[in-house]
Amino acid sequence: MVKPVLKWAGGKRQLLEEIIKLFPNGYEKKRLHEPMVGGGAVTFEIEPNKGTINDVNGRLTRFYEVIRDKPEELIEENRSHRYNEDYYYSARKEFNKPIRNEDLDKVREASLLLYLNRTCFNGLYRENSKGEFNVPFGDYNNPDYVKAEQIRNCSQVLKNLKIENNDFEYILDEAKKGDLVYFDPPYQPVSETANFTEYSKEGFELKDQKRLFNTCIKLDKKETYFILSNSWAKPIRKLYEKQKNFEVIKVKANRDINSKAKNRKPVSEILATNIPKDLRIGKKQKALKKFLKD
């Protein structure tokens, strides 16, 4: 088990046990793919020997490429930052240079992403319609934005994986029979006030959710296993419940986008999968304990 470097809204660390229970027996020998990797909690938990990670956000995939290929350069660059509000907004402006068609070194960009992630409000990643990162400064006590040990550990995991920067449908060409795919898309809002899908300037609408559902159907026809997370929103449930050999499971999670801890209440979420029950790890404690150490 390796702890992810980034904080990520909707990250899956607290649901790992529920997700891994659905994994097929013998998954250690299978290729694992995360087409919407985000913070990569599942990939870094499992430490797969082969597979892919992907994200539509090119800044994020370049970040993981730097961790994989230049971990020591990144750590050294991270040590150059300071923590105060003026520096934060200066760093944010520099991070947005490529949006203004200005050059930015790849290692520097990765270091800025990590710094902003660890010092911005609530650890959010959000872009405006221009593609600019626009999250305000966060108030923390001694935030760790160097993350040397975690970067080195994550680098070892990523050396086994191919890193892609594509739409999630790339997986239809990449995944093979018996592979395992974990989807963690931007969640469908359960209400008009819960609309947070701005991880990238393109957003993620219901039409994209339907496209993702159709991708799952195509993977199923290829005999590729998948597990998908999403909100307990009615449009999502209706999609996956209607598919005969898909199972929909209701789970509870604490979500931390709300800035006040006392307002962070458990919410219902969906796990959908095509993995037959008799092929799953289930509650086999030896298998689970291997990957869910404290």
Protein backbone atom coordinates (compact mmCIF):
# COMPACT_ATOMS: atom_id res chain seq x y z
CA MET A 1 0.00 0.00 0.00
CA VAL A 2 1.29 3.44 -0.99
CA LYS A 3 -0.33 6.65 0.19
CA PRO A 4 -1.28 9.02 -2.67
CA VAL A 5 0.61 12.30 -2.98
CA LEU A 6 -2.39 14.48 -3.81
CA LYS A 7 -5.49 15.34 -1.85
CA TRP A 8 -8.44 14.88 -4.17
CA ALA A 9 -12.11 15.77 -3.85
CA GLY A 10 -14.05 12.51 -3.98
CA GLY A 11 -10.90 10.48 -3.28
CA LYS A 12 -11.54 6.83 -2.53
CA ARG A 13 -9.29 5.97 0.41
CA GLN A 14 -12.20 5.59 2.82
CA LEU A 15 -14.08 3.28 0.42
CA LEU A 16 -11.13 1.06 -0.48
CA GLU A 17 -12.37 -1.92 1.51
CA GLU A 18 -15.78 -1.82 -0.18
CA ILE A 19 -14.17 -1.46 -3.61
CA ILE A 20 -11.58 -4.19 -3.13
CA LYS A 21 -14.25 -6.64 -1.93
CA LEU A 22 -15.57 -6.54 -5.48
CA PHE A 23 -12.22 -7.38 -7.07
CA PRO A 24 -12.04 -10.75 -8.86
CA ASN A 25 -9.99 -13.58 -7.40
CA GLY A 26 -6.50 -13.61 -8.84
CA TYR A 27 -6.59 -9.92 -9.66
CA GLU A 28 -2.94 -9.61 -8.65
CA LYS A 29 -2.05 -11.11 -12.03
CA LYS A 30 -4.46 -8.92 -14.01
CA ARG A 31 -3.82 -5.54 -15.58
CA LEU A 32 -5.45 -2.67 -13.66
CA HIS A 33 -6.62 0.49 -15.43
CA GLU A 34 -7.83 3.79 -13.94
CA PRO A 35 -9.18 5.90 -16.84
CA MET A 36 -10.10 8.78 -14.49
CA VAL A 37 -7.23 8.53 -12.08
CA GLY A 38 -7.56 11.76 -10.05
CA GLY A 39 -5.65 11.15 -6.82
CA GLY A 40 -5.11 7.48 -7.74
CA ALA A 41 -6.14 5.96 -4.41
CA VAL A 42 -7.01 2.55 -5.88
CA THR A 43 -3.90 2.28 -8.06
CA PHE A 44 -1.57 3.26 -5.23
CA GLU A 45 -3.35 0.91 -2.81
CA ILE A 46 -3.07 -2.10 -5.09
CA GLU A 47 0.36 -1.34 -6.60
CA PRO A 48 -0.40 -3.19 -9.86
CA ASN A 49 2.40 -4.83 -11.82
CA LYS A 50 0.96 -3.61 -15.12
CA GLY A 51 -1.82 -1.45 -16.50
CA THR A 52 -2.58 2.20 -17.24
CA ILE A 53 -3.62 5.38 -15.55
CA ASN A 54 -5.30 8.14 -17.52
CA ASP A 55 -6.90 11.50 -17.02
CA VAL A 56 -8.34 14.13 -19.34
CA ASN A 57 -6.43 16.73 -17.30
CA GLY A 58 -3.02 17.01 -18.94
CA ARG A 59 -1.52 18.82 -15.96
CA LEU A 60 -2.36 15.83 -13.80
CA THR A 61 -0.91 13.23 -16.15
CA ARG A 62 2.27 15.31 -16.59
CA PHE A 63 2.49 15.45 -12.79
CA TYR A 64 2.45 11.66 -12.59
CA GLU A 65 5.02 11.42 -15.39
CA VAL A 66 7.37 13.65 -13.39
CA ILE A 67 6.84 11.55 -10.26
CA ARG A 68 7.65 8.42 -12.25
CA ASP A 69 10.62 9.76 -14.20
CA LYS A 70 12.15 12.57 -12.10
CA PRO A 71 11.20 12.07 -8.43
CA GLU A 72 14.38 13.56 -6.95
CA GLU A 73 14.21 16.66 -9.15
CA LEU A 74 10.61 17.16 -8.07
CA ILE A 75 11.44 16.81 -4.37
CA GLU A 76 14.24 19.35 -4.69
CA GLU A 77 11.94 21.79 -6.51
CA ASN A 78 9.27 21.34 -3.82
CA ARG A 79 11.71 22.59 -1.20
CA SER A 80 11.93 25.96 -2.94
CA HIS A 81 8.36 27.00 -2.03
CA ARG A 82 7.17 29.17 0.86
CA TYR A 83 3.85 29.16 2.64
CA ASN A 84 2.08 32.49 2.74
CA GLU A 85 -0.86 34.03 0.92
CA ASP A 86 1.10 36.34 -1.38
CA TYR A 87 3.38 33.51 -2.49
CA TYR A 88 0.36 31.26 -3.06
CA TYR A 89 -1.25 33.65 -5.54
CA SER A 90 2.08 34.21 -7.26
CA ALA A 91 2.48 30.43 -7.61
CA ARG A 92 -1.07 30.09 -8.90
CA LYS A 93 -0.42 32.73 -11.56
CA GLU A 94 2.77 30.94 -12.61
CA PHE A 95 0.95 27.59 -12.73
CA ASN A 96 -1.52 29.07 -15.20
CA LYS A 97 1.23 30.21 -17.61
CA PRO A 98 0.53 27.48 -20.20
CA ILE A 99 -3.08 28.68 -20.44
CA ARG A 100 -1.64 32.02 -21.53
CA ASN A 101 0.63 30.23 -24.04
CA GLU A 102 3.70 30.89 -21.89
CA ASP A 103 6.34 28.21 -21.32
CA LEU A 104 6.57 26.36 -18.00
CA ASP A 105 9.14 23.67 -17.21
CA LYS A 106 7.53 20.26 -16.63
CA VAL A 107 9.15 19.66 -13.23
CA ARG A 108 8.28 23.18 -12.11
CA GLU A 109 4.68 22.70 -13.23
CA ALA A 110 4.42 19.44 -11.27
CA SER A 111 5.91 21.07 -8.18
CA LEU A 112 3.47 23.98 -8.42
CA LEU A 113 0.55 21.58 -8.76
CA LEU A 114 1.54 19.77 -5.58
CA TYR A 115 2.19 23.02 -3.71
CA LEU A 116 -1.20 24.44 -4.72
CA ASN A 117 -2.95 21.16 -3.93
CA ARG A 118 -1.50 21.15 -0.43
CA THR A 119 -2.08 24.83 0.33
CA CYS A 120 -5.31 25.74 -1.48
CA PHE A 121 -8.77 25.83 0.09
CA ASN A 122 -9.85 22.31 1.06
CA GLY A 123 -7.41 20.65 -1.34
CA LEU A 124 -9.73 21.20 -4.30
CA TYR A 125 -8.75 21.04 -7.94
CA ARG A 126 -10.99 23.28 -10.02
CA GLU A 127 -10.61 25.05 -13.35
CA ASN A 128 -12.60 27.91 -14.84
CA SER A 129 -13.89 27.96 -18.42
CA LYS A 130 -10.47 29.13 -19.66
CA GLY A 131 -8.75 26.16 -18.05
CA GLU A 132 -7.17 28.24 -15.28
CA PHE A 133 -6.77 26.77 -11.81
CA ASN A 134 -8.80 29.17 -9.65
CA VAL A 135 -9.05 27.77 -6.10
CA PRO A 136 -8.32 30.36 -3.36
CA PHE A 137 -5.70 30.19 -0.64
CA GLY A 138 -6.26 27.79 2.26
CA ASP A 139 -5.37 28.38 5.92
CA TYR A 140 -3.28 25.50 7.32
CA ASN A 141 -0.73 24.93 10.06
CA ASN A 142 2.60 23.88 8.55
CA PRO A 143 1.33 22.13 5.40
CA ASP A 144 3.66 19.50 3.93
CA TYR A 145 4.16 20.23 0.25
CA VAL A 146 7.52 18.46 -0.13
CA LYS A 147 6.14 14.91 0.30
CA ALA A 148 9.53 13.29 -0.31
CA GLU A 149 8.75 9.79 0.97
CA GLN A 150 5.36 9.60 -0.75
CA ILE A 151 6.82 10.81 -4.05
CA ARG A 152 9.52 8.14 -3.96
CA ASN A 153 7.00 5.42 -3.11
CA CYS A 154 4.54 6.53 -5.80
CA SER A 155 7.37 6.69 -8.32
CA GLN A 156 8.06 2.99 -7.83
CA VAL A 157 4.39 2.12 -8.46
CA LEU A 158 4.17 4.28 -11.58
CA LYS A 159 7.25 2.71 -13.17
CA ASN A 160 5.08 -0.33 -13.93
CA LEU A 161 2.30 1.65 -15.60
CA LYS A 162 1.59 3.46 -18.83
CA ILE A 163 0.37 7.04 -18.32
CA GLU A 164 -2.19 8.39 -20.79
CA ASN A 165 -3.84 11.79 -21.36
CA ASN A 166 -7.04 10.93 -23.21
CA ASP A 167 -10.79 10.83 -22.97
CA PHE A 168 -11.83 7.80 -20.89
CA GLU A 169 -12.97 5.94 -24.02
CA TYR A 170 -9.32 5.14 -24.79
CA ILE A 171 -9.93 2.15 -22.54
CA LEU A 172 -11.98 0.43 -25.25
CA ASP A 173 -8.79 -0.04 -27.26
CA GLU A 174 -6.51 -0.60 -24.26
CA ALA A 175 -8.38 -3.09 -22.05
CA LYS A 176 -8.33 -6.81 -22.81
CA LYS A 177 -10.40 -9.78 -21.73
CA GLY A 178 -9.88 -10.38 -18.01
CA ASP A 179 -8.43 -6.91 -17.30
CA LEU A 180 -9.86 -4.87 -14.43
CA VAL A 181 -10.99 -1.26 -14.95
CA TYR A 182 -11.89 1.10 -12.10
CA PHE A 183 -13.88 4.21 -13.06
CA ASP A 184 -14.11 7.19 -10.70
CA PRO A 185 -15.79 9.92 -12.76
CA PRO A 186 -16.86 13.36 -11.59
CA TYR A 187 -20.03 12.57 -9.69
CA GLN A 188 -23.48 13.30 -11.04
CA PRO A 189 -24.96 16.06 -8.82
CA VAL A 190 -27.70 14.83 -6.51
CA SER A 191 -29.11 18.37 -6.30
CA GLU A 192 -28.69 21.75 -8.01
CA THR A 193 -26.53 22.96 -5.10
CA ALA A 194 -24.20 19.96 -5.25
CA ASN A 195 -22.83 20.64 -8.71
CA PHE A 196 -19.06 20.12 -8.51
CA THR A 197 -17.79 18.67 -11.79
CA GLU A 198 -15.26 21.35 -12.74
CA TYR A 199 -12.08 19.28 -12.48
CA SER A 200 -11.39 20.42 -16.03
CA LYS A 201 -12.69 23.23 -18.21
CA GLU A 202 -14.73 20.70 -20.22
CA GLY A 203 -16.80 19.66 -17.19
CA PHE A 204 -18.69 16.36 -17.02
CA GLU A 205 -22.40 16.36 -17.81
CA LEU A 206 -25.15 13.73 -17.88
CA LYS A 207 -24.41 13.05 -21.55
CA ASP A 208 -20.88 12.11 -20.49
CA GLN A 209 -22.27 9.84 -17.76
CA LYS A 210 -24.33 8.06 -20.43
CA ARG A 211 -21.25 7.76 -22.62
CA LEU A 212 -19.43 6.21 -19.68
CA PHE A 213 -22.30 3.76 -19.13
CA ASN A 214 -22.12 2.71 -22.78
CA THR A 215 -18.37 2.23 -22.37
CA CYS A 216 -19.08 -0.16 -19.49
CA ILE A 217 -21.48 -2.12 -21.70
CA LYS A 218 -18.81 -2.43 -24.40
CA LEU A 219 -16.22 -3.55 -21.85
CA ASP A 220 -18.64 -6.16 -20.54
CA LYS A 221 -19.06 -7.53 -24.05
CA LYS A 222 -15.26 -7.84 -24.25
CA GLU A 223 -15.33 -9.77 -20.94
CA THR A 224 -13.36 -7.01 -19.27
CA TYR A 225 -14.18 -6.50 -15.59
CA PHE A 226 -15.13 -3.05 -14.33
CA ILE A 227 -16.02 -1.33 -11.07
CA LEU A 228 -17.51 2.16 -11.08
CA SER A 229 -18.12 4.73 -8.34
CA ASN A 230 -20.65 7.55 -8.54
CA SER A 231 -23.20 9.47 -6.52
CA TRP A 232 -26.52 7.91 -5.50
CA ALA A 233 -28.24 10.13 -8.05
CA LYS A 234 -31.40 8.78 -9.65
CA PRO A 235 -30.19 9.19 -13.28
CA ILE A 236 -27.10 7.11 -12.48
CA ARG A 237 -29.03 4.39 -10.67
CA LYS A 238 -31.49 4.14 -13.55
CA LEU A 239 -28.67 3.61 -16.03
CA TYR A 240 -26.89 0.80 -14.23
CA GLU A 241 -29.88 -0.91 -12.65
CA LYS A 242 -31.46 -1.53 -16.04
CA GLN A 243 -28.48 -3.56 -17.24
CA LYS A 244 -29.22 -7.18 -16.43
CA ASN A 245 -25.75 -8.40 -15.49
CA PHE A 246 -24.62 -5.24 -13.68
CA GLU A 247 -24.97 -5.05 -9.91
CA VAL A 248 -25.60 -1.76 -8.12
CA ILE A 249 -24.43 -1.52 -4.50
CA LYS A 250 -25.22 1.29 -2.08
CA VAL A 251 -22.37 2.44 0.17
CA LYS A 252 -21.87 5.30 2.63
CA ALA A 253 -18.97 7.75 2.49
CA ASN A 254 -17.91 10.92 4.26
CA ARG A 255 -17.21 13.64 1.75
CA ASP A 256 -15.01 16.59 2.72
CA ILE A 257 -15.71 19.32 0.15
CA ASN A 258 -17.74 21.16 2.80
CA SER A 259 -15.36 23.58 4.51
CA LYS A 260 -16.85 22.97 7.97
CA ALA A 261 -16.04 19.56 9.42
CA LYS A 262 -19.28 19.47 11.44
CA ASN A 263 -21.26 19.70 8.19
CA ARG A 264 -19.49 16.76 6.59
CA LYS A 265 -22.12 14.04 6.90
CA PRO A 266 -22.12 10.55 5.37
CA VAL A 267 -23.63 10.44 1.91
CA SER A 268 -24.92 7.54 -0.17
CA GLU A 269 -22.88 6.51 -3.17
CA ILE A 270 -23.09 3.83 -5.82
CA LEU A 271 -20.69 1.06 -6.72
CA ALA A 272 -21.59 -0.70 -9.97
CA THR A 273 -19.83 -3.76 -11.36
CA ASN A 274 -20.10 -6.62 -13.83
CA ILE A 275 -17.91 -8.96 -11.75
CA PRO A 276 -19.97 -12.07 -10.84
CA LYS A 277 -20.40 -12.59 -7.10
CA ASP A 278 -18.84 -16.04 -7.16
CA LEU A 279 -15.63 -14.62 -8.65
CA ARG A 280 -15.14 -11.82 -6.13
CA ILE A 281 -12.72 -11.65 -3.24
CA GLY A 282 -15.68 -10.74 -1.03
CA LYS A 283 -14.88 -10.75 2.67
CA LYS A 284 -11.83 -12.99 2.52
CA GLN A 285 -9.91 -11.34 5.31
CA LYS A 286 -6.45 -12.57 4.30
CA ALA A 287 -6.80 -11.01 0.88
CA LEU A 288 -8.16 -7.77 2.26
CA LYS A 289 -5.62 -7.42 5.05
CA LYS A 290 -2.82 -7.70 2.51
CA PHE A 291 -3.87 -4.38 1.01
CA LEU A 292 -5.65 -2.61 3.84
CA LYS A 293 -2.95 -2.27 6.46
CA ASP A 294 -3.15 0.61 8.89
